[in-house]
Amino acid sequence: MRFRYAASMGIYLFKADILLKLLRDHPASNDFGSEVIPLAAEDYNVRAYMFCGYWEDIGIVRSFFDANSALTVQPSKFQFYDPQKPIFTMPRCLPPTRI
């Protein structure tokens, strides 16, 4: 399968000691996609997983709003109900912002 575009979804797994070493050795590197991961690839075993499912970039407020609005269209691009892969949630019973 060929991919026309490949993007980082922002899910990274590091061994803590390796990540700390990378950040200490390169304090100016603060962007994972263009700086930290390429540095890690020079000396460590870096792997990637090509995800073929539904994905939206919600890096800015407008794109987050648009992605939420798109879920109201029927049928939506993403179906939350799949009996083979259920999604479990837990309500967060938090106090109100003002008491």
PDB file of N, CA and C in Angstrom:
ATOM      1  N   MET A   1       0.844  -1.173   0.000  1.00  0.00           N
ATOM      2  CA  MET A   1       0.000   0.000   0.000  1.00  0.00           C
ATOM      3  C   MET A   1       0.893   1.241   0.000  1.00  0.00           C
ATOM      4  N   ARG A   2       0.596   2.168  -0.895  1.00  0.00           N
ATOM      5  CA  ARG A   2       1.365   3.412  -0.965  1.00  0.00           C
ATOM      6  C   ARG A   2       0.578   4.524  -0.285  1.00  0.00           C
ATOM      7  N   PHE A   3       1.298   5.367   0.427  1.00  0.00           N
ATOM      8  CA  PHE A   3       0.682   6.497   1.103  1.00  0.00           C
ATOM      9  C   PHE A   3       1.110   7.783   0.421  1.00  0.00           C
ATOM     10  N   ARG A   4       0.136   8.586   0.035  1.00  0.00           N
ATOM     11  CA  ARG A   4       0.462   9.857  -0.594  1.00  0.00           C
ATOM     12  C   ARG A   4       1.022  10.832   0.440  1.00  0.00           C
ATOM     13  N   TYR A   5       0.471  10.791   1.648  1.00  0.00           N
ATOM     14  CA  TYR A   5       0.921  11.661   2.725  1.00  0.00           C
ATOM     15  C   TYR A   5       1.170  10.808   3.964  1.00  0.00           C
ATOM     16  N   ALA A   6       2.148  11.168   4.728  1.00  0.00           N
ATOM     17  CA  ALA A   6       2.381  10.534   6.023  1.00  0.00           C
ATOM     18  C   ALA A   6       2.530  11.657   7.040  1.00  0.00           C
ATOM     19  N   ALA A   7       1.826  11.549   8.149  1.00  0.00           N
ATOM     20  CA  ALA A   7       1.861  12.592   9.168  1.00  0.00           C
ATOM     21  C   ALA A   7       2.015  11.948  10.533  1.00  0.00           C
ATOM     22  N   SER A   8       2.539  12.694  11.457  1.00  0.00           N
ATOM     23  CA  SER A   8       2.675  12.216  12.820  1.00  0.00           C
ATOM     24  C   SER A   8       1.376  12.459  13.562  1.00  0.00           C
ATOM     25  N   MET A   9       0.875  11.424  14.214  1.00  0.00           N
ATOM     26  CA  MET A   9      -0.349  11.572  14.994  1.00  0.00           C
ATOM     27  C   MET A   9      -0.041  12.012  16.415  1.00  0.00           C
ATOM     28  N   GLY A  10       1.219  12.127  16.752  1.00  0.00           N
ATOM     29  CA  GLY A  10       1.571  12.629  18.069  1.00  0.00           C
ATOM     30  C   GLY A  10       1.487  11.613  19.184  1.00  0.00           C
ATOM     31  N   ILE A  11       1.572  10.347  18.879  1.00  0.00           N
ATOM     32  CA  ILE A  11       1.599   9.316  19.912  1.00  0.00           C
ATOM     33  C   ILE A  11       3.005   8.721  19.888  1.00  0.00           C
ATOM     34  N   TYR A  12       3.777   9.034  20.918  1.00  0.00           N
ATOM     35  CA  TYR A  12       5.174   8.615  20.953  1.00  0.00           C
ATOM     36  C   TYR A  12       5.432   7.778  22.198  1.00  0.00           C
ATOM     37  N   LEU A  13       6.217   6.727  22.041  1.00  0.00           N
ATOM     38  CA  LEU A  13       6.635   5.906  23.177  1.00  0.00           C
ATOM     39  C   LEU A  13       8.151   5.955  23.249  1.00  0.00           C
ATOM     40  N   PHE A  14       8.669   6.338  24.389  1.00  0.00           N
ATOM     41  CA  PHE A  14      10.109   6.418  24.615  1.00  0.00           C
ATOM     42  C   PHE A  14      10.450   5.714  25.904  1.00  0.00           C
ATOM     43  N   LYS A  15      11.625   5.162  25.973  1.00  0.00           N
ATOM     44  CA  LYS A  15      12.173   4.774  27.262  1.00  0.00           C
ATOM     45  C   LYS A  15      12.568   6.081  27.933  1.00  0.00           C
ATOM     46  N   ALA A  16      12.195   6.243  29.193  1.00  0.00           N
ATOM     47  CA  ALA A  16      12.383   7.520  29.884  1.00  0.00           C
ATOM     48  C   ALA A  16      13.837   7.982  29.856  1.00  0.00           C
ATOM     49  N   ASP A  17      14.769   7.067  30.093  1.00  0.00           N
ATOM     50  CA  ASP A  17      16.180   7.476  30.126  1.00  0.00           C
ATOM     51  C   ASP A  17      16.668   7.965  28.758  1.00  0.00           C
ATOM     52  N   ILE A  18      16.194   7.365  27.687  1.00  0.00           N
ATOM     53  CA  ILE A  18      16.605   7.784  26.342  1.00  0.00           C
ATOM     54  C   ILE A  18      16.017   9.151  26.006  1.00  0.00           C
ATOM     55  N   LEU A  19      14.745   9.361  26.326  1.00  0.00           N
ATOM     56  CA  LEU A  19      14.132  10.657  26.058  1.00  0.00           C
ATOM     57  C   LEU A  19      14.834  11.759  26.850  1.00  0.00           C
ATOM     58  N   LEU A  20      15.107  11.501  28.120  1.00  0.00           N
ATOM     59  CA  LEU A  20      15.804  12.504  28.931  1.00  0.00           C
ATOM     60  C   LEU A  20      17.184  12.813  28.358  1.00  0.00           C
ATOM     61  N   LYS A  21      17.890  11.786  27.905  1.00  0.00           N
ATOM     62  CA  LYS A  21      19.213  11.998  27.313  1.00  0.00           C
ATOM     63  C   LYS A  21      19.110  12.846  26.042  1.00  0.00           C
ATOM     64  N   LEU A  22      18.165  12.529  25.181  1.00  0.00           N
ATOM     65  CA  LEU A  22      17.980  13.307  23.955  1.00  0.00           C
ATOM     66  C   LEU A  22      17.686  14.780  24.261  1.00  0.00           C
ATOM     67  N   LEU A  23      16.816  15.016  25.222  1.00  0.00           N
ATOM     68  CA  LEU A  23      16.441  16.390  25.561  1.00  0.00           C
ATOM     69  C   LEU A  23      17.574  17.135  26.255  1.00  0.00           C
ATOM     70  N   ARG A  24      18.333  16.434  27.085  1.00  0.00           N
ATOM     71  CA  ARG A  24      19.482  17.077  27.749  1.00  0.00           C
ATOM     72  C   ARG A  24      20.593  17.387  26.753  1.00  0.00           C
ATOM     73  N   ASP A  25      20.869  16.460  25.844  1.00  0.00           N
ATOM     74  CA  ASP A  25      21.951  16.651  24.876  1.00  0.00           C
ATOM     75  C   ASP A  25      21.615  17.688  23.810  1.00  0.00           C
ATOM     76  N   HIS A  26      20.330  17.935  23.596  1.00  0.00           N
ATOM     77  CA  HIS A  26      19.890  18.882  22.553  1.00  0.00           C
ATOM     78  C   HIS A  26      18.802  19.789  23.131  1.00  0.00           C
ATOM     79  N   PRO A  27      19.174  20.708  24.044  1.00  0.00           N
ATOM     80  CA  PRO A  27      18.161  21.515  24.732  1.00  0.00           C
ATOM     81  C   PRO A  27      17.348  22.432  23.816  1.00  0.00           C
ATOM     82  N   ALA A  28      17.868  22.768  22.640  1.00  0.00           N
ATOM     83  CA  ALA A  28      17.125  23.637  21.720  1.00  0.00           C
ATOM     84  C   ALA A  28      16.073  22.854  20.926  1.00  0.00           C
ATOM     85  N   SER A  29      16.138  21.532  20.962  1.00  0.00           N
ATOM     86  CA  SER A  29      15.186  20.695  20.219  1.00  0.00           C
ATOM     87  C   SER A  29      13.901  20.576  21.024  1.00  0.00           C
ATOM     88  N   ASN A  30      12.827  21.137  20.495  1.00  0.00           N
ATOM     89  CA  ASN A  30      11.568  21.057  21.227  1.00  0.00           C
ATOM     90  C   ASN A  30      10.404  20.576  20.357  1.00  0.00           C
ATOM     91  N   ASP A  31      10.650  20.314  19.091  1.00  0.00           N
ATOM     92  CA  ASP A  31       9.602  19.792  18.221  1.00  0.00           C
ATOM     93  C   ASP A  31       9.904  18.317  17.941  1.00  0.00           C
ATOM     94  N   PHE A  32       8.984  17.452  18.327  1.00  0.00           N
ATOM     95  CA  PHE A  32       9.238  16.022  18.189  1.00  0.00           C
ATOM     96  C   PHE A  32       9.345  15.585  16.733  1.00  0.00           C
ATOM     97  N   GLY A  33       8.424  16.036  15.896  1.00  0.00           N
ATOM     98  CA  GLY A  33       8.396  15.567  14.511  1.00  0.00           C
ATOM     99  C   GLY A  33       9.603  15.966  13.693  1.00  0.00           C
ATOM    100  N   SER A  34      10.091  17.178  13.882  1.00  0.00           N
ATOM    101  CA  SER A  34      11.192  17.646  13.030  1.00  0.00           C
ATOM    102  C   SER A  34      12.547  17.646  13.714  1.00  0.00           C
ATOM    103  N   GLU A  35      12.594  17.468  15.035  1.00  0.00           N
ATOM    104  CA  GLU A  35      13.875  17.535  15.731  1.00  0.00           C
ATOM    105  C   GLU A  35      14.176  16.306  16.591  1.00  0.00           C
ATOM    106  N   VAL A  36      13.331  16.010  17.564  1.00  0.00           N
ATOM    107  CA  VAL A  36      13.637  14.953  18.536  1.00  0.00           C
ATOM    108  C   VAL A  36      13.639  13.566  17.894  1.00  0.00           C
ATOM    109  N   ILE A  37      12.631  13.249  17.093  1.00  0.00           N
ATOM    110  CA  ILE A  37      12.579  11.915  16.477  1.00  0.00           C
ATOM    111  C   ILE A  37      13.722  11.703  15.487  1.00  0.00           C
ATOM    112  N   PRO A  38      14.043  12.677  14.615  1.00  0.00           N
ATOM    113  CA  PRO A  38      15.219  12.473  13.752  1.00  0.00           C
ATOM    114  C   PRO A  38      16.515  12.285  14.546  1.00  0.00           C
ATOM    115  N   LEU A  39      16.658  12.990  15.665  1.00  0.00           N
ATOM    116  CA  LEU A  39      17.842  12.788  16.509  1.00  0.00           C
ATOM    117  C   LEU A  39      17.851  11.376  17.084  1.00  0.00           C
ATOM    118  N   ALA A  40      16.695  10.903  17.523  1.00  0.00           N
ATOM    119  CA  ALA A  40      16.600   9.552  18.079  1.00  0.00           C
ATOM    120  C   ALA A  40      16.915   8.505  17.016  1.00  0.00           C
ATOM    121  N   ALA A  41      16.501   8.753  15.776  1.00  0.00           N
ATOM    122  CA  ALA A  41      16.722   7.788  14.691  1.00  0.00           C
ATOM    123  C   ALA A  41      18.198   7.613  14.358  1.00  0.00           C
ATOM    124  N   GLU A  42      19.014   8.610  14.701  1.00  0.00           N
ATOM    125  CA  GLU A  42      20.450   8.510  14.426  1.00  0.00           C
ATOM    126  C   GLU A  42      21.123   7.423  15.265  1.00  0.00           C
ATOM    127  N   ASP A  43      20.682   7.269  16.521  1.00  0.00           N
ATOM    128  CA  ASP A  43      21.376   6.362  17.448  1.00  0.00           C
ATOM    129  C   ASP A  43      20.515   5.255  18.044  1.00  0.00           C
ATOM    130  N   TYR A  44      19.205   5.307  17.841  1.00  0.00           N
ATOM    131  CA  TYR A  44      18.324   4.343  18.494  1.00  0.00           C
ATOM    132  C   TYR A  44      17.406   3.668  17.481  1.00  0.00           C
ATOM    133  N   ASN A  45      16.780   2.594  17.914  1.00  0.00           N
ATOM    134  CA  ASN A  45      15.846   1.843  17.088  1.00  0.00           C
ATOM    135  C   ASN A  45      14.496   2.556  17.098  1.00  0.00           C
ATOM    136  N   VAL A  46      14.200   3.286  16.031  1.00  0.00           N
ATOM    137  CA  VAL A  46      12.958   4.045  15.924  1.00  0.00           C
ATOM    138  C   VAL A  46      12.033   3.318  14.955  1.00  0.00           C
ATOM    139  N   ARG A  47      10.782   3.152  15.341  1.00  0.00           N
ATOM    140  CA  ARG A  47       9.797   2.452  14.518  1.00  0.00           C
ATOM    141  C   ARG A  47       8.591   3.347  14.288  1.00  0.00           C
ATOM    142  N   ALA A  48       7.843   3.067  13.240  1.00  0.00           N
ATOM    143  CA  ALA A  48       6.614   3.788  12.941  1.00  0.00           C
ATOM    144  C   ALA A  48       5.522   2.790  12.597  1.00  0.00           C
ATOM    145  N   TYR A  49       4.301   3.184  12.812  1.00  0.00           N
ATOM    146  CA  TYR A  49       3.147   2.365  12.472  1.00  0.00           C
ATOM    147  C   TYR A  49       2.266   3.178  11.535  1.00  0.00           C
ATOM    148  N   MET A  50       1.975   2.642  10.367  1.00  0.00           N
ATOM    149  CA  MET A  50       1.128   3.333   9.397  1.00  0.00           C
ATOM    150  C   MET A  50      -0.329   3.040   9.735  1.00  0.00           C
ATOM    151  N   PHE A  51      -1.020   4.043  10.227  1.00  0.00           N
ATOM    152  CA  PHE A  51      -2.415   3.924  10.643  1.00  0.00           C
ATOM    153  C   PHE A  51      -3.324   4.236   9.462  1.00  0.00           C
ATOM    154  N   CYS A  52      -4.250   3.347   9.160  1.00  0.00           N
ATOM    155  CA  CYS A  52      -5.116   3.505   7.987  1.00  0.00           C
ATOM    156  C   CYS A  52      -6.563   3.845   8.345  1.00  0.00           C
ATOM    157  N   GLY A  53      -6.839   4.109   9.613  1.00  0.00           N
ATOM    158  CA  GLY A  53      -8.202   4.409  10.034  1.00  0.00           C
ATOM    159  C   GLY A  53      -8.521   5.890   9.996  1.00  0.00           C
ATOM    160  N   TYR A  54      -9.618   6.253  10.631  1.00  0.00           N
ATOM    161  CA  TYR A  54     -10.063   7.643  10.683  1.00  0.00           C
ATOM    162  C   TYR A  54      -9.100   8.462  11.530  1.00  0.00           C
ATOM    163  N   TRP A  55      -8.719   9.619  11.021  1.00  0.00           N
ATOM    164  CA  TRP A  55      -7.821  10.514  11.748  1.00  0.00           C
ATOM    165  C   TRP A  55      -8.080  11.938  11.308  1.00  0.00           C
ATOM    166  N   GLU A  56      -8.119  12.854  12.241  1.00  0.00           N
ATOM    167  CA  GLU A  56      -8.282  14.277  11.949  1.00  0.00           C
ATOM    168  C   GLU A  56      -7.218  15.046  12.718  1.00  0.00           C
ATOM    169  N   ASP A  57      -6.667  16.055  12.096  1.00  0.00           N
ATOM    170  CA  ASP A  57      -5.720  16.943  12.767  1.00  0.00           C
ATOM    171  C   ASP A  57      -6.527  17.968  13.557  1.00  0.00           C
ATOM    172  N   ILE A  58      -6.378  17.986  14.867  1.00  0.00           N
ATOM    173  CA  ILE A  58      -7.094  18.952  15.699  1.00  0.00           C
ATOM    174  C   ILE A  58      -6.091  19.823  16.454  1.00  0.00           C
ATOM    175  N   GLY A  59      -5.063  20.240  15.746  1.00  0.00           N
ATOM    176  CA  GLY A  59      -3.991  21.016  16.354  1.00  0.00           C
ATOM    177  C   GLY A  59      -4.342  22.457  16.659  1.00  0.00           C
ATOM    178  N   ILE A  60      -5.406  22.978  16.078  1.00  0.00           N
ATOM    179  CA  ILE A  60      -5.840  24.337  16.384  1.00  0.00           C
ATOM    180  C   ILE A  60      -7.318  24.303  16.735  1.00  0.00           C
ATOM    181  N   VAL A  61      -7.794  25.351  17.396  1.00  0.00           N
ATOM    182  CA  VAL A  61      -9.176  25.377  17.881  1.00  0.00           C
ATOM    183  C   VAL A  61     -10.162  25.212  16.731  1.00  0.00           C
ATOM    184  N   ARG A  62      -9.907  25.874  15.606  1.00  0.00           N
ATOM    185  CA  ARG A  62     -10.837  25.782  14.473  1.00  0.00           C
ATOM    186  C   ARG A  62     -10.944  24.347  13.957  1.00  0.00           C
ATOM    187  N   SER A  63      -9.820  23.650  13.803  1.00  0.00           N
ATOM    188  CA  SER A  63      -9.879  22.277  13.298  1.00  0.00           C
ATOM    189  C   SER A  63     -10.532  21.341  14.320  1.00  0.00           C
ATOM    190  N   PHE A  64     -10.352  21.623  15.621  1.00  0.00           N
ATOM    191  CA  PHE A  64     -11.028  20.847  16.661  1.00  0.00           C
ATOM    192  C   PHE A  64     -12.540  21.047  16.546  1.00  0.00           C
ATOM    193  N   PHE A  65     -12.973  22.298  16.372  1.00  0.00           N
ATOM    194  CA  PHE A  65     -14.392  22.606  16.206  1.00  0.00           C
ATOM    195  C   PHE A  65     -14.950  21.916  14.966  1.00  0.00           C
ATOM    196  N   ASP A  66     -14.212  22.020  13.845  1.00  0.00           N
ATOM    197  CA  ASP A  66     -14.671  21.407  12.593  1.00  0.00           C
ATOM    198  C   ASP A  66     -14.788  19.888  12.722  1.00  0.00           C
ATOM    199  N   ALA A  67     -13.827  19.258  13.405  1.00  0.00           N
ATOM    200  CA  ALA A  67     -13.868  17.798  13.584  1.00  0.00           C
ATOM    201  C   ALA A  67     -15.076  17.397  14.429  1.00  0.00           C
ATOM    202  N   ASN A  68     -15.378  18.177  15.476  1.00  0.00           N
ATOM    203  CA  ASN A  68     -16.553  17.884  16.304  1.00  0.00           C
ATOM    204  C   ASN A  68     -17.838  18.084  15.512  1.00  0.00           C
ATOM    205  N   SER A  69     -17.897  19.152  14.723  1.00  0.00           N
ATOM    206  CA  SER A  69     -19.087  19.420  13.909  1.00  0.00           C
ATOM    207  C   SER A  69     -19.297  18.328  12.866  1.00  0.00           C
ATOM    208  N   ALA A  70     -18.219  17.815  12.309  1.00  0.00           N
ATOM    209  CA  ALA A  70     -18.326  16.768  11.286  1.00  0.00           C
ATOM    210  C   ALA A  70     -18.967  15.499  11.840  1.00  0.00           C
ATOM    211  N   LEU A  71     -18.854  15.270  13.140  1.00  0.00           N
ATOM    212  CA  LEU A  71     -19.446  14.078  13.741  1.00  0.00           C
ATOM    213  C   LEU A  71     -20.971  14.174  13.836  1.00  0.00           C
ATOM    214  N   THR A  72     -21.527  15.363  13.605  1.00  0.00           N
ATOM    215  CA  THR A  72     -22.983  15.509  13.644  1.00  0.00           C
ATOM    216  C   THR A  72     -23.629  15.168  12.310  1.00  0.00           C
ATOM    217  N   VAL A  73     -22.835  15.082  11.249  1.00  0.00           N
ATOM    218  CA  VAL A  73     -23.349  14.736   9.929  1.00  0.00           C
ATOM    219  C   VAL A  73     -23.639  13.233   9.897  1.00  0.00           C
ATOM    220  N   GLN A  74     -24.772  12.868   9.325  1.00  0.00           N
ATOM    221  CA  GLN A  74     -25.138  11.454   9.260  1.00  0.00           C
ATOM    222  C   GLN A  74     -25.020  10.942   7.834  1.00  0.00           C
ATOM    223  N   PRO A  75     -24.360   9.856   7.590  1.00  0.00           N
ATOM    224  CA  PRO A  75     -23.525   9.133   8.544  1.00  0.00           C
ATOM    225  C   PRO A  75     -22.177   9.838   8.704  1.00  0.00           C
ATOM    226  N   SER A  76     -21.647   9.818   9.911  1.00  0.00           N
ATOM    227  CA  SER A  76     -20.364  10.476  10.166  1.00  0.00           C
ATOM    228  C   SER A  76     -19.219   9.612   9.647  1.00  0.00           C
ATOM    229  N   LYS A  77     -18.060  10.225   9.461  1.00  0.00           N
ATOM    230  CA  LYS A  77     -16.887   9.500   8.969  1.00  0.00           C
ATOM    231  C   LYS A  77     -16.417   8.451   9.975  1.00  0.00           C
ATOM    232  N   PHE A  78     -16.678   8.716  11.250  1.00  0.00           N
ATOM    233  CA  PHE A  78     -16.214   7.826  12.305  1.00  0.00           C
ATOM    234  C   PHE A  78     -17.419   7.285  13.046  1.00  0.00           C
ATOM    235  N   GLN A  79     -17.500   5.985  13.163  1.00  0.00           N
ATOM    236  CA  GLN A  79     -18.585   5.344  13.893  1.00  0.00           C
ATOM    237  C   GLN A  79     -18.085   4.940  15.278  1.00  0.00           C
ATOM    238  N   PHE A  80     -18.755   5.453  16.289  1.00  0.00           N
ATOM    239  CA  PHE A  80     -18.327   5.155  17.660  1.00  0.00           C
ATOM    240  C   PHE A  80     -18.746   3.766  18.121  1.00  0.00           C
ATOM    241  N   TYR A  81     -19.732   3.183  17.455  1.00  0.00           N
ATOM    242  CA  TYR A  81     -20.201   1.872  17.904  1.00  0.00           C
ATOM    243  C   TYR A  81     -19.656   0.781  17.007  1.00  0.00           C
ATOM    244  N   ASP A  82     -18.896  -0.096  17.597  1.00  0.00           N
ATOM    245  CA  ASP A  82     -18.400  -1.284  16.909  1.00  0.00           C
ATOM    246  C   ASP A  82     -18.407  -2.413  17.932  1.00  0.00           C
ATOM    247  N   PRO A  83     -19.291  -3.386  17.786  1.00  0.00           N
ATOM    248  CA  PRO A  83     -19.372  -4.446  18.792  1.00  0.00           C
ATOM    249  C   PRO A  83     -18.071  -5.243  18.934  1.00  0.00           C
ATOM    250  N   GLN A  84     -17.245  -5.257  17.891  1.00  0.00           N
ATOM    251  CA  GLN A  84     -15.973  -5.980  17.961  1.00  0.00           C
ATOM    252  C   GLN A  84     -14.895  -5.183  18.703  1.00  0.00           C
ATOM    253  N   LYS A  85     -15.015  -3.861  18.704  1.00  0.00           N
ATOM    254  CA  LYS A  85     -14.027  -2.988  19.349  1.00  0.00           C
ATOM    255  C   LYS A  85     -14.750  -1.908  20.145  1.00  0.00           C
ATOM    256  N   PRO A  86     -15.339  -2.267  21.267  1.00  0.00           N
ATOM    257  CA  PRO A  86     -16.104  -1.265  22.029  1.00  0.00           C
ATOM    258  C   PRO A  86     -15.192  -0.184  22.618  1.00  0.00           C
ATOM    259  N   ILE A  87     -15.737   1.013  22.728  1.00  0.00           N
ATOM    260  CA  ILE A  87     -15.040   2.125  23.373  1.00  0.00           C
ATOM    261  C   ILE A  87     -15.664   2.295  24.748  1.00  0.00           C
ATOM    262  N   PHE A  88     -14.852   2.233  25.788  1.00  0.00           N
ATOM    263  CA  PHE A  88     -15.339   2.373  27.149  1.00  0.00           C
ATOM    264  C   PHE A  88     -14.989   3.763  27.664  1.00  0.00           C
ATOM    265  N   THR A  89     -15.907   4.365  28.382  1.00  0.00           N
ATOM    266  CA  THR A  89     -15.658   5.676  28.975  1.00  0.00           C
ATOM    267  C   THR A  89     -16.020   5.628  30.446  1.00  0.00           C
ATOM    268  N   MET A  90     -15.557   6.627  31.175  1.00  0.00           N
ATOM    269  CA  MET A  90     -15.882   6.740  32.582  1.00  0.00           C
ATOM    270  C   MET A  90     -16.218   8.207  32.848  1.00  0.00           C
ATOM    271  N   PRO A  91     -17.380   8.484  33.420  1.00  0.00           N
ATOM    272  CA  PRO A  91     -17.724   9.889  33.661  1.00  0.00           C
ATOM    273  C   PRO A  91     -16.785  10.496  34.704  1.00  0.00           C
ATOM    274  N   ARG A  92     -16.437  11.746  34.473  1.00  0.00           N
ATOM    275  CA  ARG A  92     -15.612  12.489  35.433  1.00  0.00           C
ATOM    276  C   ARG A  92     -16.536  13.362  36.239  1.00  0.00           C
ATOM    277  N   CYS A  93     -16.771  12.993  37.472  1.00  0.00           N
ATOM    278  CA  CYS A  93     -17.671  13.751  38.338  1.00  0.00           C
ATOM    279  C   CYS A  93     -16.863  14.835  39.048  1.00  0.00           C
ATOM    280  N   LEU A  94     -16.708  15.953  38.362  1.00  0.00           N
ATOM    281  CA  LEU A  94     -15.916  17.058  38.887  1.00  0.00           C
ATOM    282  C   LEU A  94     -16.822  18.135  39.462  1.00  0.00           C
ATOM    283  N   PRO A  95     -16.319  18.916  40.402  1.00  0.00           N
ATOM    284  CA  PRO A  95     -17.132  20.020  40.930  1.00  0.00           C
ATOM    285  C   PRO A  95     -17.268  21.114  39.864  1.00  0.00           C
ATOM    286  N   PRO A  96     -18.250  21.995  40.027  1.00  0.00           N
ATOM    287  CA  PRO A  96     -18.393  23.091  39.066  1.00  0.00           C
ATOM    288  C   PRO A  96     -17.191  24.024  39.138  1.00  0.00           C
ATOM    289  N   THR A  97     -17.033  24.861  38.112  1.00  0.00           N
ATOM    290  CA  THR A  97     -15.869  25.746  38.100  1.00  0.00           C
ATOM    291  C   THR A  97     -15.945  26.817  39.172  1.00  0.00           C
ATOM    292  N   ARG A  98     -17.148  27.162  39.621  1.00  0.00           N
ATOM    293  CA  ARG A  98     -17.318  28.128  40.712  1.00  0.00           C
ATOM    294  C   ARG A  98     -18.217  27.529  41.771  1.00  0.00           C
ATOM    295  N   ILE A  99     -17.855  27.776  42.997  1.00  0.00           N
ATOM    296  CA  ILE A  99     -18.679  27.279  44.104  1.00  0.00           C
ATOM    297  C   ILE A  99     -19.194  28.489  44.883  1.00  0.00           C
TER     298      ILE A  99
END
